[in-house]
């Protein structure tokens, strides 16, 4: 995920995740990685949002864009249109499925990986319990959560699946935009400590 997730000196942070829709096409378009780089090159929140809106997209993706002043917006982008989510009581989460009812798309991942629905709901419930006192340690606990194991937020191999389709959480990242720090777990966060890396500005 290097180059796709990160923060910049203007106080803008980006998290992304893959989405799939029936409108996706393998045609020439603005590459996903280029859109991410344009977001992280942005100086303002509106510039970051514009990088998604103006791109010629042929594949779906989700872009969670946050500013150090506390503003956040989640853009669910399908070919031809974008819908958005805003924080509720200061909390905004997203997993690997479309939540929009306005884009007129079909999302095959919900059937193939129903755990995405469980993980998103679990994240909301977990953060709601800590509302008003959410800090780095609470987010670390969330990202180590094993509810619905092995298909949990901290994901582990599901031995019921063919070996080639087994997945794990291979790394975990938390960003503190105010301090310009990234906390990285190299490997599953339940088995590894987070290491702080500071952005030099």
C-alpha atoms as a PDB file:
ATOM      1  CA  UNK A   1       0.000   0.000   0.000  1.00  0.00           C
ATOM      2  CA  UNK A   2       3.054   2.289  -0.077  1.00  0.00           C
ATOM      3  CA  UNK A   3       2.147   5.391  -2.059  1.00  0.00           C
ATOM      4  CA  UNK A   4      -1.590   4.793  -1.704  1.00  0.00           C
ATOM      5  CA  UNK A   5      -1.989   5.490   2.015  1.00  0.00           C
ATOM      6  CA  UNK A   6      -0.329   8.400   3.735  1.00  0.00           C
ATOM      7  CA  UNK A   7      -0.322  11.982   4.923  1.00  0.00           C
ATOM      8  CA  UNK A   8       1.301  15.157   3.721  1.00  0.00           C
ATOM      9  CA  UNK A   9       2.731  18.375   5.157  1.00  0.00           C
ATOM     10  CA  UNK A  10      -0.522  20.231   4.402  1.00  0.00           C
ATOM     11  CA  UNK A  11      -2.288  18.076   6.993  1.00  0.00           C
ATOM     12  CA  UNK A  12      -4.173  15.882   4.530  1.00  0.00           C
ATOM     13  CA  UNK A  13      -4.394  12.135   5.099  1.00  0.00           C
ATOM     14  CA  UNK A  14      -5.589   9.410   2.757  1.00  0.00           C
ATOM     15  CA  UNK A  15      -6.800   5.867   3.353  1.00  0.00           C
ATOM     16  CA  UNK A  16      -8.105   3.740   0.493  1.00  0.00           C
ATOM     17  CA  UNK A  17      -9.716   0.393  -0.083  1.00  0.00           C
ATOM     18  CA  UNK A  18     -10.763  -1.604  -3.091  1.00  0.00           C
ATOM     19  CA  UNK A  19     -14.340  -1.746  -4.331  1.00  0.00           C
ATOM     20  CA  UNK A  20     -15.900  -3.674  -7.195  1.00  0.00           C
ATOM     21  CA  UNK A  21     -19.019  -2.857  -9.185  1.00  0.00           C
ATOM     22  CA  UNK A  22     -20.804  -4.098 -12.267  1.00  0.00           C
ATOM     23  CA  UNK A  23     -19.744  -0.867 -14.032  1.00  0.00           C
ATOM     24  CA  UNK A  24     -16.004  -1.592 -13.791  1.00  0.00           C
ATOM     25  CA  UNK A  25     -14.248  -1.933 -17.161  1.00  0.00           C
ATOM     26  CA  UNK A  26     -10.724  -2.743 -18.249  1.00  0.00           C
ATOM     27  CA  UNK A  27     -10.270   0.340 -20.412  1.00  0.00           C
ATOM     28  CA  UNK A  28      -7.692   3.132 -20.540  1.00  0.00           C
ATOM     29  CA  UNK A  29      -8.293   5.565 -17.675  1.00  0.00           C
ATOM     30  CA  UNK A  30      -6.587   7.518 -14.912  1.00  0.00           C
ATOM     31  CA  UNK A  31      -4.733   4.871 -12.886  1.00  0.00           C
ATOM     32  CA  UNK A  32      -5.800   4.407  -9.269  1.00  0.00           C
ATOM     33  CA  UNK A  33      -2.239   5.051  -8.058  1.00  0.00           C
ATOM     34  CA  UNK A  34      -2.117   8.371  -9.933  1.00  0.00           C
ATOM     35  CA  UNK A  35      -5.356   9.513  -8.262  1.00  0.00           C
ATOM     36  CA  UNK A  36      -3.888   8.647  -4.865  1.00  0.00           C
ATOM     37  CA  UNK A  37      -0.705  10.585  -5.620  1.00  0.00           C
ATOM     38  CA  UNK A  38      -2.724  13.631  -6.722  1.00  0.00           C
ATOM     39  CA  UNK A  39      -4.671  13.526  -3.455  1.00  0.00           C
ATOM     40  CA  UNK A  40      -1.459  13.388  -1.426  1.00  0.00           C
ATOM     41  CA  UNK A  41       0.016  16.227  -3.512  1.00  0.00           C
ATOM     42  CA  UNK A  42      -2.974  18.430  -2.610  1.00  0.00           C
ATOM     43  CA  UNK A  43      -2.655  21.542  -0.444  1.00  0.00           C
ATOM     44  CA  UNK A  44      -6.354  21.833   0.438  1.00  0.00           C
ATOM     45  CA  UNK A  45      -9.242  19.473   1.146  1.00  0.00           C
ATOM     46  CA  UNK A  46     -11.135  20.629  -1.955  1.00  0.00           C
ATOM     47  CA  UNK A  47      -8.090  19.966  -4.144  1.00  0.00           C
ATOM     48  CA  UNK A  48      -7.933  16.430  -2.741  1.00  0.00           C
ATOM     49  CA  UNK A  49     -11.626  15.822  -3.442  1.00  0.00           C
ATOM     50  CA  UNK A  50     -11.270  17.304  -6.930  1.00  0.00           C
ATOM     51  CA  UNK A  51      -8.497  14.807  -7.721  1.00  0.00           C
ATOM     52  CA  UNK A  52     -11.089  12.029  -7.460  1.00  0.00           C
ATOM     53  CA  UNK A  53     -13.986  13.871  -9.100  1.00  0.00           C
ATOM     54  CA  UNK A  54     -12.097  15.017 -12.203  1.00  0.00           C
ATOM     55  CA  UNK A  55     -10.343  11.697 -12.871  1.00  0.00           C
ATOM     56  CA  UNK A  56     -11.517   9.488 -15.709  1.00  0.00           C
ATOM     57  CA  UNK A  57     -12.206   6.360 -13.679  1.00  0.00           C
ATOM     58  CA  UNK A  58     -13.022   2.955 -15.146  1.00  0.00           C
ATOM     59  CA  UNK A  59     -12.637   0.996 -11.881  1.00  0.00           C
ATOM     60  CA  UNK A  60     -14.255   1.456  -8.486  1.00  0.00           C
ATOM     61  CA  UNK A  61     -12.392   2.508  -5.348  1.00  0.00           C
ATOM     62  CA  UNK A  62     -12.961   4.162  -1.992  1.00  0.00           C
ATOM     63  CA  UNK A  63     -11.046   7.248  -0.858  1.00  0.00           C
ATOM     64  CA  UNK A  64     -11.211   8.362   2.782  1.00  0.00           C
ATOM     65  CA  UNK A  65      -9.775  11.894   2.902  1.00  0.00           C
ATOM     66  CA  UNK A  66      -9.158  13.625   6.222  1.00  0.00           C
ATOM     67  CA  UNK A  67      -7.762  17.009   7.260  1.00  0.00           C
ATOM     68  CA  UNK A  68      -5.807  17.733  10.435  1.00  0.00           C
ATOM     69  CA  UNK A  69      -8.476  20.264  11.481  1.00  0.00           C
ATOM     70  CA  UNK A  70     -10.916  17.393  11.930  1.00  0.00           C
ATOM     71  CA  UNK A  71     -12.833  17.432   8.647  1.00  0.00           C
ATOM     72  CA  UNK A  72     -13.318  14.128   6.846  1.00  0.00           C
ATOM     73  CA  UNK A  73     -15.108  12.845   3.769  1.00  0.00           C
ATOM     74  CA  UNK A  74     -15.364   9.364   2.311  1.00  0.00           C
ATOM     75  CA  UNK A  75     -15.728   9.133  -1.474  1.00  0.00           C
ATOM     76  CA  UNK A  76     -17.208   5.959  -2.956  1.00  0.00           C
ATOM     77  CA  UNK A  77     -16.127   6.215  -6.577  1.00  0.00           C
ATOM     78  CA  UNK A  78     -17.630   4.109  -9.354  1.00  0.00           C
ATOM     79  CA  UNK A  79     -17.061   4.666 -13.068  1.00  0.00           C
ATOM     80  CA  UNK A  80     -19.109   7.708 -14.009  1.00  0.00           C
ATOM     81  CA  UNK A  81     -20.154   8.931 -10.564  1.00  0.00           C
ATOM     82  CA  UNK A  82     -19.113   9.451  -6.935  1.00  0.00           C
ATOM     83  CA  UNK A  83     -21.132   9.376  -3.727  1.00  0.00           C
ATOM     84  CA  UNK A  84     -19.894  10.439  -0.319  1.00  0.00           C
ATOM     85  CA  UNK A  85     -20.228   9.782   3.400  1.00  0.00           C
ATOM     86  CA  UNK A  86     -19.547  12.216   6.213  1.00  0.00           C
ATOM     87  CA  UNK A  87     -18.716  11.555   9.868  1.00  0.00           C
ATOM     88  CA  UNK A  88     -21.511  10.776  12.303  1.00  0.00           C
ATOM     89  CA  UNK A  89     -20.685  12.064  15.798  1.00  0.00           C
ATOM     90  CA  UNK A  90     -17.078  12.397  14.700  1.00  0.00           C
ATOM     91  CA  UNK A  91     -16.763   8.794  13.468  1.00  0.00           C
ATOM     92  CA  UNK A  92     -16.369   7.640   9.864  1.00  0.00           C
ATOM     93  CA  UNK A  93     -15.550   4.055   8.896  1.00  0.00           C
ATOM     94  CA  UNK A  94     -15.506   2.127   5.620  1.00  0.00           C
ATOM     95  CA  UNK A  95     -14.868  -1.480   4.621  1.00  0.00           C
ATOM     96  CA  UNK A  96     -14.668  -3.245   1.249  1.00  0.00           C
ATOM     97  CA  UNK A  97     -18.184  -2.671  -0.051  1.00  0.00           C
ATOM     98  CA  UNK A  98     -20.361   0.098  -1.429  1.00  0.00           C
ATOM     99  CA  UNK A  99     -22.766   1.695   1.033  1.00  0.00           C
ATOM    100  CA  UNK A 100     -24.242   4.166  -1.473  1.00  0.00           C
ATOM    101  CA  UNK A 101     -27.781   3.641  -2.711  1.00  0.00           C
ATOM    102  CA  UNK A 102     -27.474   6.512  -5.215  1.00  0.00           C
ATOM    103  CA  UNK A 103     -24.928   5.151  -7.675  1.00  0.00           C
ATOM    104  CA  UNK A 104     -27.158   2.485  -9.234  1.00  0.00           C
ATOM    105  CA  UNK A 105     -24.494  -0.221  -9.103  1.00  0.00           C
ATOM    106  CA  UNK A 106     -24.345  -3.873  -8.132  1.00  0.00           C
ATOM    107  CA  UNK A 107     -21.612  -4.887  -5.690  1.00  0.00           C
ATOM    108  CA  UNK A 108     -20.525  -8.539  -6.094  1.00  0.00           C
ATOM    109  CA  UNK A 109     -18.094  -8.353  -3.153  1.00  0.00           C
ATOM    110  CA  UNK A 110     -20.922  -8.312  -0.616  1.00  0.00           C
ATOM    111  CA  UNK A 111     -21.837 -11.859  -1.632  1.00  0.00           C
ATOM    112  CA  UNK A 112     -18.263 -13.102  -2.147  1.00  0.00           C
ATOM    113  CA  UNK A 113     -16.961 -11.558   1.124  1.00  0.00           C
ATOM    114  CA  UNK A 114     -19.901 -10.919   3.468  1.00  0.00           C
ATOM    115  CA  UNK A 115     -17.435 -10.334   6.316  1.00  0.00           C
ATOM    116  CA  UNK A 116     -16.963  -6.795   4.925  1.00  0.00           C
ATOM    117  CA  UNK A 117     -20.433  -5.930   6.272  1.00  0.00           C
ATOM    118  CA  UNK A 118     -19.591  -7.415   9.667  1.00  0.00           C
ATOM    119  CA  UNK A 119     -16.224  -5.627   9.867  1.00  0.00           C
ATOM    120  CA  UNK A 120     -17.740  -2.219   9.108  1.00  0.00           C
ATOM    121  CA  UNK A 121     -20.487  -2.649  11.693  1.00  0.00           C
ATOM    122  CA  UNK A 122     -17.978  -3.916  14.256  1.00  0.00           C
ATOM    123  CA  UNK A 123     -15.756  -0.875  13.707  1.00  0.00           C
ATOM    124  CA  UNK A 124     -18.719   1.486  14.170  1.00  0.00           C
ATOM    125  CA  UNK A 125     -19.848  -0.253  17.362  1.00  0.00           C
ATOM    126  CA  UNK A 126     -16.319  -0.371  18.775  1.00  0.00           C
ATOM    127  CA  UNK A 127     -15.642   3.329  18.162  1.00  0.00           C
ATOM    128  CA  UNK A 128     -19.089   4.381  19.404  1.00  0.00           C
ATOM    129  CA  UNK A 129     -18.220   2.812  22.765  1.00  0.00           C
ATOM    130  CA  UNK A 130     -15.112   4.983  22.980  1.00  0.00           C
ATOM    131  CA  UNK A 131     -16.784   8.117  21.613  1.00  0.00           C
ATOM    132  CA  UNK A 132     -15.264  11.248  23.120  1.00  0.00           C
ATOM    133  CA  UNK A 133     -12.047   9.542  24.215  1.00  0.00           C
ATOM    134  CA  UNK A 134     -10.783   7.908  21.026  1.00  0.00           C
ATOM    135  CA  UNK A 135      -6.999   7.941  20.900  1.00  0.00           C
ATOM    136  CA  UNK A 136      -4.163   5.947  19.309  1.00  0.00           C
ATOM    137  CA  UNK A 137      -4.486   3.113  21.844  1.00  0.00           C
ATOM    138  CA  UNK A 138      -8.219   2.665  21.189  1.00  0.00           C
ATOM    139  CA  UNK A 139      -7.615   2.587  17.421  1.00  0.00           C
ATOM    140  CA  UNK A 140      -4.864   0.007  17.961  1.00  0.00           C
ATOM    141  CA  UNK A 141      -7.331  -2.130  19.939  1.00  0.00           C
ATOM    142  CA  UNK A 142      -9.850  -1.823  17.105  1.00  0.00           C
ATOM    143  CA  UNK A 143      -7.332  -2.900  14.472  1.00  0.00           C
ATOM    144  CA  UNK A 144      -6.371  -5.915  16.621  1.00  0.00           C
ATOM    145  CA  UNK A 145     -10.018  -6.930  17.087  1.00  0.00           C
ATOM    146  CA  UNK A 146     -10.842 -10.615  16.460  1.00  0.00           C
ATOM    147  CA  UNK A 147     -14.648 -10.551  16.531  1.00  0.00           C
ATOM    148  CA  UNK A 148     -15.812 -12.913  13.735  1.00  0.00           C
ATOM    149  CA  UNK A 149     -12.355 -14.576  13.611  1.00  0.00           C
ATOM    150  CA  UNK A 150     -10.742 -15.486  11.242  1.00  0.00           C
ATOM    151  CA  UNK A 151     -12.621 -12.981   9.050  1.00  0.00           C
ATOM    152  CA  UNK A 152     -12.233 -10.211  11.593  1.00  0.00           C
ATOM    153  CA  UNK A 153     -10.862  -6.680  11.368  1.00  0.00           C
ATOM    154  CA  UNK A 154      -7.493  -8.262  12.208  1.00  0.00           C
ATOM    155  CA  UNK A 155      -7.857 -10.930   9.530  1.00  0.00           C
ATOM    156  CA  UNK A 156      -6.288 -14.392   9.606  1.00  0.00           C
ATOM    157  CA  UNK A 157      -6.181 -17.365   7.262  1.00  0.00           C
ATOM    158  CA  UNK A 158      -9.561 -19.038   6.790  1.00  0.00           C
ATOM    159  CA  UNK A 159      -8.695 -22.710   6.375  1.00  0.00           C
ATOM    160  CA  UNK A 160     -12.108 -23.335   4.798  1.00  0.00           C
ATOM    161  CA  UNK A 161     -10.908 -21.387   1.748  1.00  0.00           C
ATOM    162  CA  UNK A 162      -8.489 -22.691  -0.910  1.00  0.00           C
ATOM    163  CA  UNK A 163      -4.924 -21.866   0.130  1.00  0.00           C
ATOM    164  CA  UNK A 164      -4.445 -19.418  -2.743  1.00  0.00           C
ATOM    165  CA  UNK A 165      -7.469 -17.404  -1.542  1.00  0.00           C
ATOM    166  CA  UNK A 166      -6.532 -17.255   2.136  1.00  0.00           C
ATOM    167  CA  UNK A 167      -5.873 -13.740   3.359  1.00  0.00           C
ATOM    168  CA  UNK A 168      -4.362 -12.050   6.415  1.00  0.00           C
ATOM    169  CA  UNK A 169      -3.881  -8.515   7.641  1.00  0.00           C
ATOM    170  CA  UNK A 170      -0.291  -8.148   6.442  1.00  0.00           C
ATOM    171  CA  UNK A 171       0.237  -4.660   7.863  1.00  0.00           C
ATOM    172  CA  UNK A 172      -1.672  -2.000   9.762  1.00  0.00           C
ATOM    173  CA  UNK A 173      -1.372   1.794   9.669  1.00  0.00           C
ATOM    174  CA  UNK A 174      -2.674   4.546  11.957  1.00  0.00           C
ATOM    175  CA  UNK A 175      -2.150   8.244  11.192  1.00  0.00           C
ATOM    176  CA  UNK A 176      -2.013  11.181  13.602  1.00  0.00           C
ATOM    177  CA  UNK A 177      -2.416  14.171  11.302  1.00  0.00           C
ATOM    178  CA  UNK A 178      -1.878  16.752  14.035  1.00  0.00           C
ATOM    179  CA  UNK A 179       1.481  15.283  15.024  1.00  0.00           C
ATOM    180  CA  UNK A 180       2.339  14.273  11.429  1.00  0.00           C
ATOM    181  CA  UNK A 181       3.056  10.733  12.611  1.00  0.00           C
ATOM    182  CA  UNK A 182       2.251   7.319  11.157  1.00  0.00           C
ATOM    183  CA  UNK A 183       2.115   4.224  13.347  1.00  0.00           C
ATOM    184  CA  UNK A 184       2.949   1.044  11.424  1.00  0.00           C
ATOM    185  CA  UNK A 185       2.568  -2.596  12.372  1.00  0.00           C
ATOM    186  CA  UNK A 186       4.747  -4.699  10.065  1.00  0.00           C
ATOM    187  CA  UNK A 187       2.596  -7.821  10.056  1.00  0.00           C
ATOM    188  CA  UNK A 188      -0.683  -8.651  11.810  1.00  0.00           C
ATOM    189  CA  UNK A 189      -1.212  -6.020  14.540  1.00  0.00           C
ATOM    190  CA  UNK A 190      -2.262  -8.696  17.054  1.00  0.00           C
ATOM    191  CA  UNK A 191       1.246 -10.144  16.785  1.00  0.00           C
ATOM    192  CA  UNK A 192       3.311  -6.980  16.280  1.00  0.00           C
ATOM    193  CA  UNK A 193       3.751  -3.640  17.994  1.00  0.00           C
ATOM    194  CA  UNK A 194       3.097  -0.355  16.205  1.00  0.00           C
ATOM    195  CA  UNK A 195       6.185   1.697  15.408  1.00  0.00           C
ATOM    196  CA  UNK A 196       5.890   5.501  15.148  1.00  0.00           C
ATOM    197  CA  UNK A 197       7.345   7.210  12.065  1.00  0.00           C
ATOM    198  CA  UNK A 198       7.379  11.014  11.879  1.00  0.00           C
ATOM    199  CA  UNK A 199       6.963  13.058   8.715  1.00  0.00           C
ATOM    200  CA  UNK A 200       9.871  15.439   8.302  1.00  0.00           C
ATOM    201  CA  UNK A 201       8.563  18.841   7.200  1.00  0.00           C
END
